[in-house]
């Protein structure tokens, strides 16, 4: 796990100053992402973008981590893919 100093260094190195970025680097930096159509699962009928909090509903195609734990909308994916070093599956 990265400590705060390392995260700050990454943020400074990548010149990140966008208000959508809070602490996502702790769990999204260097992750493999996939474009996926969100589907309702049990009581979970929507998700939110980890950056802008856009509501992601069934039928929307957005980006998610391989395990489906975190979602990123298309706009935020394009804005941050290089800064966060995402790999696309």
N, C-alpha and C. Protein backbone atom coordinates (compact mmCIF):
# COMPACT_ATOMS: atom_id res chain seq x y z
N UNK A 1 0.84 -1.19 0.00
CA UNK A 1 0.00 0.00 0.00
C UNK A 1 0.88 1.24 0.00
N UNK A 2 0.51 2.21 -0.79
CA UNK A 2 1.28 3.44 -0.88
C UNK A 2 0.98 4.33 0.33
N UNK A 3 2.01 5.02 0.79
CA UNK A 3 1.75 5.97 1.87
C UNK A 3 1.44 7.34 1.28
N UNK A 4 0.99 8.26 2.13
CA UNK A 4 0.55 9.57 1.65
C UNK A 4 1.65 10.31 0.91
N UNK A 5 2.89 10.20 1.38
CA UNK A 5 4.00 10.89 0.73
C UNK A 5 4.15 10.40 -0.72
N UNK A 6 4.07 9.09 -0.94
CA UNK A 6 4.18 8.56 -2.30
C UNK A 6 3.03 9.04 -3.17
N UNK A 7 1.83 9.07 -2.62
CA UNK A 7 0.66 9.53 -3.38
C UNK A 7 0.83 11.00 -3.75
N UNK A 8 1.28 11.82 -2.80
CA UNK A 8 1.51 13.23 -3.09
C UNK A 8 2.56 13.38 -4.18
N UNK A 9 3.60 12.56 -4.14
CA UNK A 9 4.64 12.63 -5.17
C UNK A 9 4.07 12.28 -6.54
N UNK A 10 3.22 11.26 -6.60
CA UNK A 10 2.60 10.89 -7.87
C UNK A 10 1.72 12.02 -8.36
N UNK A 11 0.91 12.59 -7.48
CA UNK A 11 0.04 13.69 -7.87
C UNK A 11 0.84 14.87 -8.39
N UNK A 12 1.92 15.22 -7.70
CA UNK A 12 2.74 16.34 -8.14
C UNK A 12 3.44 16.02 -9.46
N UNK A 13 3.95 14.80 -9.60
CA UNK A 13 4.64 14.39 -10.81
C UNK A 13 3.71 14.49 -12.03
N UNK A 14 2.47 14.11 -11.83
CA UNK A 14 1.51 14.13 -12.92
C UNK A 14 0.75 15.44 -13.03
N UNK A 15 1.12 16.41 -12.21
CA UNK A 15 0.50 17.73 -12.26
C UNK A 15 -1.03 17.64 -12.13
N UNK A 16 -1.46 16.87 -11.16
CA UNK A 16 -2.89 16.69 -10.96
C UNK A 16 -3.40 17.80 -10.05
N UNK A 17 -4.34 18.59 -10.56
CA UNK A 17 -4.91 19.65 -9.74
C UNK A 17 -6.42 19.73 -9.96
N UNK A 18 -7.00 18.67 -10.46
CA UNK A 18 -8.43 18.62 -10.75
C UNK A 18 -9.21 18.35 -9.47
N UNK A 19 -10.30 19.08 -9.28
CA UNK A 19 -11.09 18.93 -8.04
C UNK A 19 -11.77 17.57 -7.94
N UNK A 20 -11.86 16.83 -9.05
CA UNK A 20 -12.46 15.50 -9.00
C UNK A 20 -11.55 14.49 -8.32
N UNK A 21 -10.28 14.82 -8.22
CA UNK A 21 -9.32 13.90 -7.63
C UNK A 21 -9.25 14.15 -6.14
N UNK A 22 -9.55 13.10 -5.39
CA UNK A 22 -9.44 13.16 -3.93
C UNK A 22 -8.38 12.15 -3.50
N UNK A 23 -8.80 10.96 -3.16
CA UNK A 23 -7.83 9.94 -2.75
C UNK A 23 -7.87 8.70 -3.65
N UNK A 24 -8.37 8.84 -4.86
CA UNK A 24 -8.54 7.70 -5.76
C UNK A 24 -7.22 7.01 -6.08
N UNK A 25 -6.12 7.73 -5.98
CA UNK A 25 -4.83 7.13 -6.28
C UNK A 25 -4.55 5.93 -5.37
N UNK A 26 -5.10 5.95 -4.19
CA UNK A 26 -4.88 4.85 -3.24
C UNK A 26 -5.42 3.52 -3.76
N UNK A 27 -6.47 3.57 -4.57
CA UNK A 27 -7.08 2.33 -5.02
C UNK A 27 -7.22 2.20 -6.54
N UNK A 28 -6.86 3.23 -7.30
CA UNK A 28 -7.01 3.15 -8.75
C UNK A 28 -5.72 3.32 -9.55
N UNK A 29 -4.64 3.72 -8.92
CA UNK A 29 -3.40 3.93 -9.66
C UNK A 29 -2.85 2.61 -10.19
N UNK A 30 -2.57 2.58 -11.51
CA UNK A 30 -1.96 1.41 -12.13
C UNK A 30 -2.89 0.23 -12.35
N UNK A 31 -4.18 0.41 -12.14
CA UNK A 31 -5.13 -0.70 -12.28
C UNK A 31 -5.41 -1.02 -13.74
N UNK A 32 -5.80 -2.25 -13.98
CA UNK A 32 -6.29 -2.65 -15.30
C UNK A 32 -7.79 -2.39 -15.32
N UNK A 33 -8.23 -1.69 -16.34
CA UNK A 33 -9.63 -1.31 -16.48
C UNK A 33 -10.22 -2.02 -17.70
N UNK A 34 -11.53 -2.18 -17.70
CA UNK A 34 -12.21 -2.74 -18.86
C UNK A 34 -13.48 -1.93 -19.11
N UNK A 35 -13.84 -1.82 -20.38
CA UNK A 35 -15.09 -1.15 -20.73
C UNK A 35 -16.18 -2.20 -20.61
N UNK A 36 -17.24 -1.86 -19.88
CA UNK A 36 -18.24 -2.87 -19.54
C UNK A 36 -19.61 -2.21 -19.46
N UNK A 37 -20.62 -2.94 -19.85
CA UNK A 37 -21.99 -2.45 -19.71
C UNK A 37 -22.50 -2.82 -18.33
N UNK A 38 -22.86 -1.80 -17.56
CA UNK A 38 -23.33 -2.05 -16.19
C UNK A 38 -24.65 -2.80 -16.21
N UNK A 39 -24.75 -3.80 -15.35
CA UNK A 39 -25.97 -4.58 -15.19
C UNK A 39 -26.36 -4.59 -13.72
N UNK A 40 -27.63 -4.56 -13.46
CA UNK A 40 -28.14 -4.65 -12.08
C UNK A 40 -27.73 -5.99 -11.49
N UNK A 41 -27.27 -5.94 -10.25
CA UNK A 41 -26.87 -7.16 -9.54
C UNK A 41 -27.50 -7.13 -8.15
N UNK A 42 -28.49 -7.98 -7.95
CA UNK A 42 -29.19 -8.00 -6.67
C UNK A 42 -29.84 -6.66 -6.40
N UNK A 43 -29.58 -6.10 -5.23
CA UNK A 43 -30.13 -4.79 -4.86
C UNK A 43 -29.32 -3.63 -5.44
N UNK A 44 -28.20 -3.94 -6.05
CA UNK A 44 -27.31 -2.91 -6.60
C UNK A 44 -27.80 -2.52 -8.00
N UNK A 45 -28.56 -1.43 -8.07
CA UNK A 45 -29.14 -1.04 -9.35
C UNK A 45 -28.41 0.12 -10.03
N UNK A 46 -27.35 0.61 -9.40
CA UNK A 46 -26.53 1.65 -10.02
C UNK A 46 -25.18 1.72 -9.31
N UNK A 47 -24.26 2.40 -9.95
CA UNK A 47 -22.95 2.71 -9.38
C UNK A 47 -22.70 4.19 -9.62
N UNK A 48 -21.57 4.67 -9.15
CA UNK A 48 -21.18 6.06 -9.39
C UNK A 48 -19.74 6.10 -9.86
N UNK A 49 -19.43 7.07 -10.72
CA UNK A 49 -18.05 7.29 -11.14
C UNK A 49 -17.23 7.65 -9.91
N UNK A 50 -16.06 7.05 -9.79
CA UNK A 50 -15.19 7.29 -8.64
C UNK A 50 -14.64 8.72 -8.61
N UNK A 51 -14.81 9.46 -9.69
CA UNK A 51 -14.27 10.82 -9.75
C UNK A 51 -15.35 11.90 -9.71
N UNK A 52 -16.30 11.84 -10.63
CA UNK A 52 -17.29 12.93 -10.74
C UNK A 52 -18.64 12.57 -10.12
N UNK A 53 -18.77 11.35 -9.70
CA UNK A 53 -19.98 10.84 -9.05
C UNK A 53 -21.17 10.71 -9.99
N UNK A 54 -20.90 10.68 -11.31
CA UNK A 54 -21.96 10.45 -12.30
C UNK A 54 -22.63 9.12 -11.99
N UNK A 55 -23.95 9.09 -12.05
CA UNK A 55 -24.70 7.87 -11.80
C UNK A 55 -24.60 6.95 -13.01
N UNK A 56 -24.21 5.72 -12.77
CA UNK A 56 -24.07 4.71 -13.82
C UNK A 56 -25.19 3.69 -13.61
N UNK A 57 -26.07 3.60 -14.60
CA UNK A 57 -27.26 2.74 -14.48
C UNK A 57 -27.19 1.60 -15.50
N UNK A 58 -28.04 0.58 -15.32
CA UNK A 58 -28.04 -0.55 -16.26
C UNK A 58 -28.13 -0.09 -17.72
N UNK A 59 -27.31 -0.71 -18.55
CA UNK A 59 -27.29 -0.40 -19.97
C UNK A 59 -26.22 0.61 -20.35
N UNK A 60 -25.65 1.33 -19.38
CA UNK A 60 -24.59 2.30 -19.68
C UNK A 60 -23.26 1.56 -19.79
N UNK A 61 -22.49 1.91 -20.81
CA UNK A 61 -21.17 1.32 -21.00
C UNK A 61 -20.12 2.30 -20.49
N UNK A 62 -19.45 1.92 -19.43
CA UNK A 62 -18.43 2.76 -18.80
C UNK A 62 -17.23 1.88 -18.46
N UNK A 63 -16.28 2.39 -17.71
CA UNK A 63 -15.08 1.64 -17.36
C UNK A 63 -15.15 1.17 -15.92
N UNK A 64 -14.60 -0.02 -15.68
CA UNK A 64 -14.58 -0.58 -14.33
C UNK A 64 -13.26 -1.31 -14.11
N UNK A 65 -12.90 -1.47 -12.86
CA UNK A 65 -11.74 -2.30 -12.54
C UNK A 65 -12.10 -3.74 -12.87
N UNK A 66 -11.10 -4.58 -13.02
CA UNK A 66 -11.35 -5.98 -13.39
C UNK A 66 -12.30 -6.67 -12.42
N UNK A 67 -12.22 -6.31 -11.15
CA UNK A 67 -13.08 -6.95 -10.14
C UNK A 67 -14.45 -6.27 -10.01
N UNK A 68 -14.67 -5.19 -10.77
CA UNK A 68 -15.96 -4.50 -10.74
C UNK A 68 -16.19 -3.66 -9.50
N UNK A 69 -15.16 -3.46 -8.70
CA UNK A 69 -15.32 -2.72 -7.44
C UNK A 69 -15.44 -1.21 -7.66
N UNK A 70 -14.78 -0.68 -8.68
CA UNK A 70 -14.77 0.77 -8.92
C UNK A 70 -15.15 1.05 -10.36
N UNK A 71 -15.92 2.10 -10.57
CA UNK A 71 -16.39 2.50 -11.89
C UNK A 71 -15.90 3.90 -12.20
N UNK A 72 -15.60 4.13 -13.48
CA UNK A 72 -15.14 5.44 -13.96
C UNK A 72 -15.90 5.74 -15.25
N UNK A 73 -16.53 6.91 -15.32
CA UNK A 73 -17.26 7.27 -16.53
C UNK A 73 -16.27 7.54 -17.67
N UNK A 74 -16.79 7.55 -18.87
CA UNK A 74 -15.96 7.74 -20.07
C UNK A 74 -15.17 9.05 -20.02
N UNK A 75 -15.83 10.12 -19.60
CA UNK A 75 -15.15 11.43 -19.54
C UNK A 75 -13.98 11.40 -18.58
N UNK A 76 -14.20 10.89 -17.37
CA UNK A 76 -13.12 10.84 -16.38
C UNK A 76 -12.04 9.85 -16.79
N UNK A 77 -12.43 8.75 -17.43
CA UNK A 77 -11.44 7.80 -17.91
C UNK A 77 -10.49 8.49 -18.89
N UNK A 78 -11.06 9.21 -19.85
CA UNK A 78 -10.23 9.91 -20.83
C UNK A 78 -9.37 10.99 -20.18
N UNK A 79 -9.92 11.68 -19.20
CA UNK A 79 -9.19 12.75 -18.52
C UNK A 79 -8.03 12.22 -17.68
N UNK A 80 -8.17 11.04 -17.09
CA UNK A 80 -7.20 10.58 -16.10
C UNK A 80 -6.43 9.31 -16.46
N UNK A 81 -6.68 8.71 -17.62
CA UNK A 81 -6.06 7.43 -17.94
C UNK A 81 -4.53 7.49 -17.92
N UNK A 82 -3.96 8.55 -18.42
CA UNK A 82 -2.50 8.66 -18.42
C UNK A 82 -1.96 8.99 -17.03
N UNK A 83 -2.64 9.88 -16.34
CA UNK A 83 -2.20 10.29 -15.01
C UNK A 83 -2.23 9.14 -14.00
N UNK A 84 -3.19 8.24 -14.17
CA UNK A 84 -3.32 7.11 -13.25
C UNK A 84 -2.67 5.84 -13.79
N UNK A 85 -2.15 5.90 -15.00
CA UNK A 85 -1.44 4.75 -15.55
C UNK A 85 -2.31 3.52 -15.76
N UNK A 86 -3.54 3.74 -16.18
CA UNK A 86 -4.45 2.60 -16.37
C UNK A 86 -4.07 1.81 -17.60
N UNK A 87 -4.26 0.52 -17.50
CA UNK A 87 -4.11 -0.40 -18.62
C UNK A 87 -5.51 -0.83 -19.02
N UNK A 88 -5.77 -0.94 -20.29
CA UNK A 88 -7.09 -1.34 -20.76
C UNK A 88 -7.07 -2.80 -21.17
N UNK A 89 -8.01 -3.55 -20.65
CA UNK A 89 -8.10 -4.97 -20.95
C UNK A 89 -8.96 -5.18 -22.17
